[in-house]
């Protein structure tokens, strides 16, 4: 510690901390205070990250501008419900798409196709839904590869 004395701040029976910050007589001297993050460090220890003064005001204004842009984009001030509805539609579409993609892969395997490209990220995860008695290779969207070789009774994956 560069100072000769260390100031210890005690808040009732709630907290005791070594103080290394700037001091003021009242919070009004600091101006606007904005909590940025709250993180649990360990049991009983929570760290608050905050901004104060002009930086806090600028950050709050930037957030408000972003919210206004989202409201304008969605055409609604009820952005939580709008985004929830969009997300629910996305999940439904994704589920239907994955079902159709699996049906497409099954049809290709059953027609004798040996090498199949897929939109699935996790081609290994779909192997249990595919025939175990046919040779095929599936190449996934992110270059994952699954090889089904029934005569060897093994599945090779990358």
Protein backbone atom coordinates (compact mmCIF):
# COMPACT_ATOMS: atom_id res chain seq x y z
CA UNK A 1 0.00 0.00 0.00
CA UNK A 2 1.49 3.35 -0.96
CA UNK A 3 -0.17 5.20 1.94
CA UNK A 4 1.11 4.91 5.49
CA UNK A 5 -2.39 4.30 6.80
CA UNK A 6 -5.11 2.03 5.50
CA UNK A 7 -8.68 3.16 6.01
CA UNK A 8 -11.09 0.39 7.09
CA UNK A 9 -14.79 1.02 6.52
CA UNK A 10 -17.31 -0.86 8.66
CA UNK A 11 -21.01 -0.84 7.77
CA UNK A 12 -22.80 -1.97 10.93
CA UNK A 13 -22.52 -5.72 11.36
CA UNK A 14 -22.95 -6.14 7.61
CA UNK A 15 -19.55 -5.48 6.03
CA UNK A 16 -15.95 -4.51 6.69
CA UNK A 17 -13.71 -3.45 3.80
CA UNK A 18 -10.33 -1.89 3.22
CA UNK A 19 -11.04 1.38 1.46
CA UNK A 20 -8.96 2.49 -1.51
CA UNK A 21 -11.41 4.78 -3.25
CA UNK A 22 -12.18 8.46 -3.41
CA UNK A 23 -14.26 9.88 -0.59
CA UNK A 24 -17.12 12.31 -0.50
CA UNK A 25 -19.32 13.62 2.26
CA UNK A 26 -22.59 12.79 0.49
CA UNK A 27 -23.62 10.80 -2.57
CA UNK A 28 -24.93 13.94 -4.27
CA UNK A 29 -21.30 14.96 -4.85
CA UNK A 30 -20.83 11.89 -7.04
CA UNK A 31 -23.89 12.45 -9.21
CA UNK A 32 -25.74 9.71 -10.99
CA UNK A 33 -24.74 6.18 -9.90
CA UNK A 34 -25.49 3.23 -12.17
CA UNK A 35 -24.98 -0.46 -11.32
CA UNK A 36 -23.42 -2.19 -14.36
CA UNK A 37 -23.01 -5.73 -13.02
CA UNK A 38 -23.57 -7.84 -9.95
CA UNK A 39 -21.47 -11.00 -9.66
CA UNK A 40 -21.39 -13.63 -6.97
CA UNK A 41 -17.69 -14.19 -6.24
CA UNK A 42 -18.14 -16.88 -3.58
CA UNK A 43 -20.62 -17.71 -0.84
CA UNK A 44 -21.53 -14.50 0.90
CA UNK A 45 -19.37 -12.32 -1.38
CA UNK A 46 -21.02 -10.28 -4.11
CA UNK A 47 -19.15 -7.81 -6.30
CA UNK A 48 -20.95 -4.75 -7.66
CA UNK A 49 -19.48 -2.98 -10.66
CA UNK A 50 -20.83 0.50 -11.15
CA UNK A 51 -20.34 3.79 -12.94
CA UNK A 52 -20.78 7.22 -11.52
CA UNK A 53 -21.10 10.77 -12.74
CA UNK A 54 -20.97 11.69 -16.42
CA UNK A 55 -19.84 8.19 -17.54
CA UNK A 56 -22.93 6.70 -15.89
CA UNK A 57 -25.21 9.23 -17.57
CA UNK A 58 -23.60 8.58 -20.98
CA UNK A 59 -24.00 4.80 -20.57
CA UNK A 60 -27.65 5.14 -19.53
CA UNK A 61 -28.33 7.41 -22.53
CA UNK A 62 -26.65 4.93 -24.90
CA UNK A 63 -28.79 2.11 -23.49
CA UNK A 64 -31.94 4.18 -23.94
CA UNK A 65 -30.98 4.94 -27.56
CA UNK A 66 -30.50 1.21 -28.17
CA UNK A 67 -33.91 0.43 -26.64
CA UNK A 68 -35.54 3.09 -28.87
CA UNK A 69 -33.87 1.54 -31.93
CA UNK A 70 -35.22 -1.90 -31.00
CA UNK A 71 -38.70 -0.41 -30.40
CA UNK A 72 -38.56 1.22 -33.83
CA UNK A 73 -37.32 -1.97 -35.49
CA UNK A 74 -40.11 -4.02 -33.88
CA UNK A 75 -42.75 -1.34 -34.31
CA UNK A 76 -43.71 -1.67 -30.66
CA UNK A 77 -42.80 -0.32 -27.27
CA UNK A 78 -43.54 -3.73 -25.73
CA UNK A 79 -40.16 -5.15 -26.73
CA UNK A 80 -40.06 -7.92 -24.12
CA UNK A 81 -43.27 -9.51 -25.42
CA UNK A 82 -42.31 -8.89 -29.05
CA UNK A 83 -38.89 -10.50 -28.64
CA UNK A 84 -40.42 -13.39 -26.67
CA UNK A 85 -42.89 -13.99 -29.51
CA UNK A 86 -40.10 -13.87 -32.11
CA UNK A 87 -38.02 -16.31 -30.07
CA UNK A 88 -40.96 -18.72 -29.69
CA UNK A 89 -41.53 -18.61 -33.47
CA UNK A 90 -37.82 -19.23 -34.01
CA UNK A 91 -37.87 -22.28 -31.71
CA UNK A 92 -40.91 -23.67 -33.51
CA UNK A 93 -39.31 -23.09 -36.92
CA UNK A 94 -36.05 -24.65 -35.76
CA UNK A 95 -37.86 -27.74 -34.48
CA UNK A 96 -39.76 -28.15 -37.78
CA UNK A 97 -36.58 -27.56 -39.77
CA UNK A 98 -34.64 -30.16 -37.76
CA UNK A 99 -37.44 -32.70 -38.27
CA UNK A 100 -37.46 -32.06 -42.03
CA UNK A 101 -33.66 -32.26 -42.16
CA UNK A 102 -33.69 -35.59 -40.35
CA UNK A 103 -36.35 -36.91 -42.76
CA UNK A 104 -34.20 -35.74 -45.71
CA UNK A 105 -31.13 -37.53 -44.33
CA UNK A 106 -33.12 -40.72 -43.69
CA UNK A 107 -34.49 -40.67 -47.24
CA UNK A 108 -30.98 -40.22 -48.68
CA UNK A 109 -29.57 -43.07 -46.56
CA UNK A 110 -32.47 -45.35 -47.48
CA UNK A 111 -31.95 -44.56 -51.18
CA UNK A 112 -28.34 -45.76 -50.88
CA UNK A 113 -26.54 -42.42 -50.69
CA UNK A 114 -23.19 -42.86 -48.90
CA UNK A 115 -22.03 -39.27 -48.34
CA UNK A 116 -24.50 -36.73 -47.02
CA UNK A 117 -24.06 -33.10 -46.08
CA UNK A 118 -26.25 -31.77 -43.29
CA UNK A 119 -27.29 -28.49 -41.73
CA UNK A 120 -26.99 -30.00 -38.26
CA UNK A 121 -24.18 -28.64 -36.08
CA UNK A 122 -24.00 -31.88 -34.11
CA UNK A 123 -24.09 -34.75 -36.60
CA UNK A 124 -22.95 -37.14 -33.88
CA UNK A 125 -26.05 -36.28 -31.84
CA UNK A 126 -28.41 -37.47 -34.60
CA UNK A 127 -26.76 -40.86 -35.18
CA UNK A 128 -29.07 -42.63 -32.73
CA UNK A 129 -32.01 -41.56 -34.95
CA UNK A 130 -30.49 -43.08 -38.10
CA UNK A 131 -30.28 -46.68 -39.37
CA UNK A 132 -27.53 -48.71 -37.72
CA UNK A 133 -27.33 -51.29 -40.55
CA UNK A 134 -26.16 -49.01 -43.41
CA UNK A 135 -22.83 -47.48 -44.39
CA UNK A 136 -22.88 -43.69 -44.62
CA UNK A 137 -20.90 -40.58 -43.85
CA UNK A 138 -22.53 -37.37 -42.67
CA UNK A 139 -20.67 -34.06 -42.90
CA UNK A 140 -22.18 -31.42 -40.64
CA UNK A 141 -22.53 -27.66 -41.04
CA UNK A 142 -19.43 -26.97 -38.95
CA UNK A 143 -17.40 -29.76 -40.54
CA UNK A 144 -18.30 -32.36 -37.93
CA UNK A 145 -18.10 -35.82 -39.46
CA UNK A 146 -19.93 -39.00 -38.45
CA UNK A 147 -19.17 -42.32 -40.14
CA UNK A 148 -21.47 -45.29 -39.64
CA UNK A 149 -19.82 -48.66 -40.47
CA UNK A 150 -22.13 -51.51 -39.42
CA UNK A 151 -19.72 -54.31 -40.41
CA UNK A 152 -17.21 -52.95 -37.89
CA UNK A 153 -19.98 -52.26 -35.36
CA UNK A 154 -18.49 -48.89 -34.62
CA UNK A 155 -19.20 -45.27 -35.28
CA UNK A 156 -16.28 -43.02 -36.09
CA UNK A 157 -16.71 -39.36 -35.29
CA UNK A 158 -14.70 -36.22 -35.54
